[in-house]
Amino acid sequence: MTVLRVGYKAGVRFDLAYYTRKHLPLASDALGAYAVRNIEVVTCGPNPDGSHPPYQAMFSAYFDSPADVQKALESARMADVLADIPNYYDGMPEVMIGEVLTP
């Protein structure tokens, strides 16, 4: 299984209400056409030592293969998803793609 992960850095404006109400449905709908298995968003709290993590939120979408992720990222609808970012975030999210390892 392949995961597409998007990290939103701490210390940068991030409107969680807009993100969950408007952007997440837009992204979910766009990715849904490309065999996305599951989508999750995690908000990041303090580290165990009380320090702040580098991200305030992480988006993850799980796909069967890297090819499915690539198709989703190259879709015409992804332009709408990317164009919506300034409405809730004042930076450029960090995108990571990796393989899920299970014991």
C-alpha atoms as a PDB file:
ATOM      1  CA  MET A   1       0.000   0.000   0.000  1.00  0.00           C
ATOM      2  CA  THR A   2       1.210   3.504  -0.838  1.00  0.00           C
ATOM      3  CA  VAL A   3       0.537   6.618   1.212  1.00  0.00           C
ATOM      4  CA  LEU A   4       0.368  10.200   0.012  1.00  0.00           C
ATOM      5  CA  ARG A   5       1.108  12.398   3.005  1.00  0.00           C
ATOM      6  CA  VAL A   6       0.792  16.185   3.152  1.00  0.00           C
ATOM      7  CA  GLY A   7       2.358  18.058   6.067  1.00  0.00           C
ATOM      8  CA  TYR A   8       1.336  21.524   7.214  1.00  0.00           C
ATOM      9  CA  LYS A   9       4.190  23.189   9.092  1.00  0.00           C
ATOM     10  CA  ALA A  10       3.708  24.582  12.568  1.00  0.00           C
ATOM     11  CA  GLY A  11       3.849  28.352  12.958  1.00  0.00           C
ATOM     12  CA  VAL A  12       2.118  29.034   9.630  1.00  0.00           C
ATOM     13  CA  ARG A  13      -1.529  30.157   9.436  1.00  0.00           C
ATOM     14  CA  PHE A  14      -3.721  27.078   9.062  1.00  0.00           C
ATOM     15  CA  ASP A  15      -7.501  27.514   9.196  1.00  0.00           C
ATOM     16  CA  LEU A  16      -8.615  24.106  10.446  1.00  0.00           C
ATOM     17  CA  ALA A  17     -12.320  24.984  10.208  1.00  0.00           C
ATOM     18  CA  TYR A  18     -12.040  25.910   6.518  1.00  0.00           C
ATOM     19  CA  TYR A  19      -9.800  22.923   5.864  1.00  0.00           C
ATOM     20  CA  THR A  20     -12.241  20.403   7.325  1.00  0.00           C
ATOM     21  CA  ARG A  21     -15.399  22.075   5.995  1.00  0.00           C
ATOM     22  CA  LYS A  22     -14.292  22.999   2.441  1.00  0.00           C
ATOM     23  CA  HIS A  23     -10.860  21.723   1.426  1.00  0.00           C
ATOM     24  CA  LEU A  24     -11.008  18.179   2.753  1.00  0.00           C
ATOM     25  CA  PRO A  25     -14.253  17.345   0.885  1.00  0.00           C
ATOM     26  CA  LEU A  26     -12.756  18.860  -2.284  1.00  0.00           C
ATOM     27  CA  ALA A  27      -9.579  16.791  -1.963  1.00  0.00           C
ATOM     28  CA  SER A  28     -11.463  13.638  -0.978  1.00  0.00           C
ATOM     29  CA  ASP A  29     -13.761  13.949  -3.966  1.00  0.00           C
ATOM     30  CA  ALA A  30     -10.837  14.520  -6.345  1.00  0.00           C
ATOM     31  CA  LEU A  31      -8.854  11.564  -4.993  1.00  0.00           C
ATOM     32  CA  GLY A  32     -11.853   9.249  -4.778  1.00  0.00           C
ATOM     33  CA  ALA A  33     -11.795   8.632  -8.518  1.00  0.00           C
ATOM     34  CA  TYR A  34      -8.321   7.071  -8.173  1.00  0.00           C
ATOM     35  CA  ALA A  35      -8.915   4.100  -5.881  1.00  0.00           C
ATOM     36  CA  VAL A  36      -8.103   5.893  -2.650  1.00  0.00           C
ATOM     37  CA  ARG A  37      -8.585   3.340   0.143  1.00  0.00           C
ATOM     38  CA  ASN A  38      -8.693   5.609   3.148  1.00  0.00           C
ATOM     39  CA  ILE A  39      -8.138   9.250   4.051  1.00  0.00           C
ATOM     40  CA  GLU A  40      -7.203  10.585   7.454  1.00  0.00           C
ATOM     41  CA  VAL A  41      -6.169  13.888   8.971  1.00  0.00           C
ATOM     42  CA  VAL A  42      -4.199  14.079  12.187  1.00  0.00           C
ATOM     43  CA  THR A  43      -3.678  17.284  14.129  1.00  0.00           C
ATOM     44  CA  CYS A  44      -0.328  17.261  15.912  1.00  0.00           C
ATOM     45  CA  GLY A  45      -0.066  18.046  19.600  1.00  0.00           C
ATOM     46  CA  PRO A  46       3.002  18.636  21.729  1.00  0.00           C
ATOM     47  CA  ASN A  47       5.785  16.057  21.742  1.00  0.00           C
ATOM     48  CA  PRO A  48       6.215  13.951  24.906  1.00  0.00           C
ATOM     49  CA  ASP A  49       8.905  16.362  26.138  1.00  0.00           C
ATOM     50  CA  GLY A  50       6.542  19.330  25.642  1.00  0.00           C
ATOM     51  CA  SER A  51       8.299  20.671  22.564  1.00  0.00           C
ATOM     52  CA  HIS A  52       6.362  21.599  19.469  1.00  0.00           C
ATOM     53  CA  PRO A  53       6.315  19.197  16.516  1.00  0.00           C
ATOM     54  CA  PRO A  54       7.369  20.466  13.081  1.00  0.00           C
ATOM     55  CA  TYR A  55       3.826  20.030  11.720  1.00  0.00           C
ATOM     56  CA  GLN A  56       0.462  21.180  12.988  1.00  0.00           C
ATOM     57  CA  ALA A  57      -1.506  18.765  10.810  1.00  0.00           C
ATOM     58  CA  MET A  58      -0.879  15.808   8.516  1.00  0.00           C
ATOM     59  CA  PHE A  59      -3.146  14.565   5.721  1.00  0.00           C
ATOM     60  CA  SER A  60      -2.791  10.959   4.562  1.00  0.00           C
ATOM     61  CA  ALA A  61      -4.443   9.189   1.642  1.00  0.00           C
ATOM     62  CA  TYR A  62      -3.827   5.474   1.123  1.00  0.00           C
ATOM     63  CA  PHE A  63      -3.706   3.862  -2.319  1.00  0.00           C
ATOM     64  CA  ASP A  64      -2.971   0.373  -3.658  1.00  0.00           C
ATOM     65  CA  SER A  65       0.095   1.451  -5.621  1.00  0.00           C
ATOM     66  CA  PRO A  66       2.462   4.298  -6.486  1.00  0.00           C
ATOM     67  CA  ALA A  67       0.855   4.355  -9.963  1.00  0.00           C
ATOM     68  CA  ASP A  68      -2.539   5.154  -8.405  1.00  0.00           C
ATOM     69  CA  VAL A  69      -1.008   8.040  -6.450  1.00  0.00           C
ATOM     70  CA  GLN A  70       0.650   9.350  -9.602  1.00  0.00           C
ATOM     71  CA  LYS A  71      -2.615   9.211 -11.553  1.00  0.00           C
ATOM     72  CA  ALA A  72      -4.383  11.113  -8.780  1.00  0.00           C
ATOM     73  CA  LEU A  73      -1.693  13.804  -8.644  1.00  0.00           C
ATOM     74  CA  GLU A  74      -1.768  14.252 -12.420  1.00  0.00           C
ATOM     75  CA  SER A  75      -5.566  14.494 -12.642  1.00  0.00           C
ATOM     76  CA  ALA A  76      -7.203  17.664 -13.924  1.00  0.00           C
ATOM     77  CA  ARG A  77      -9.125  18.020 -10.656  1.00  0.00           C
ATOM     78  CA  MET A  78      -5.904  18.349  -8.689  1.00  0.00           C
ATOM     79  CA  ALA A  79      -5.575  21.908 -10.029  1.00  0.00           C
ATOM     80  CA  ASP A  80      -8.703  22.870  -8.046  1.00  0.00           C
ATOM     81  CA  VAL A  81      -7.299  21.244  -4.915  1.00  0.00           C
ATOM     82  CA  LEU A  82      -4.001  23.118  -5.239  1.00  0.00           C
ATOM     83  CA  ALA A  83      -5.708  26.424  -6.038  1.00  0.00           C
ATOM     84  CA  ASP A  84      -7.663  26.173  -2.769  1.00  0.00           C
ATOM     85  CA  ILE A  85      -4.570  26.018  -0.530  1.00  0.00           C
ATOM     86  CA  PRO A  86      -4.228  29.823   0.000  1.00  0.00           C
ATOM     87  CA  ASN A  87      -7.762  29.862   1.425  1.00  0.00           C
ATOM     88  CA  TYR A  88      -6.631  27.999   4.546  1.00  0.00           C
ATOM     89  CA  TYR A  89      -2.808  27.906   4.643  1.00  0.00           C
ATOM     90  CA  ASP A  90      -0.148  30.583   4.203  1.00  0.00           C
ATOM     91  CA  GLY A  91       2.623  28.277   3.067  1.00  0.00           C
ATOM     92  CA  MET A  92       3.294  25.455   0.664  1.00  0.00           C
ATOM     93  CA  PRO A  93       2.470  22.072   2.198  1.00  0.00           C
ATOM     94  CA  GLU A  94       5.154  19.404   2.136  1.00  0.00           C
ATOM     95  CA  VAL A  95       4.182  16.335   0.096  1.00  0.00           C
ATOM     96  CA  MET A  96       5.622  12.898   0.805  1.00  0.00           C
ATOM     97  CA  ILE A  97       4.884   9.558  -0.877  1.00  0.00           C
ATOM     98  CA  GLY A  98       5.911   6.279   0.688  1.00  0.00           C
ATOM     99  CA  GLU A  99       5.174   2.631   1.142  1.00  0.00           C
ATOM    100  CA  VAL A 100       3.282   1.461   4.210  1.00  0.00           C
ATOM    101  CA  LEU A 101       5.223  -1.207   6.121  1.00  0.00           C
ATOM    102  CA  THR A 102       3.325  -3.545   8.400  1.00  0.00           C
ATOM    103  CA  PRO A 103       4.740  -6.107  10.815  1.00  0.00           C
END
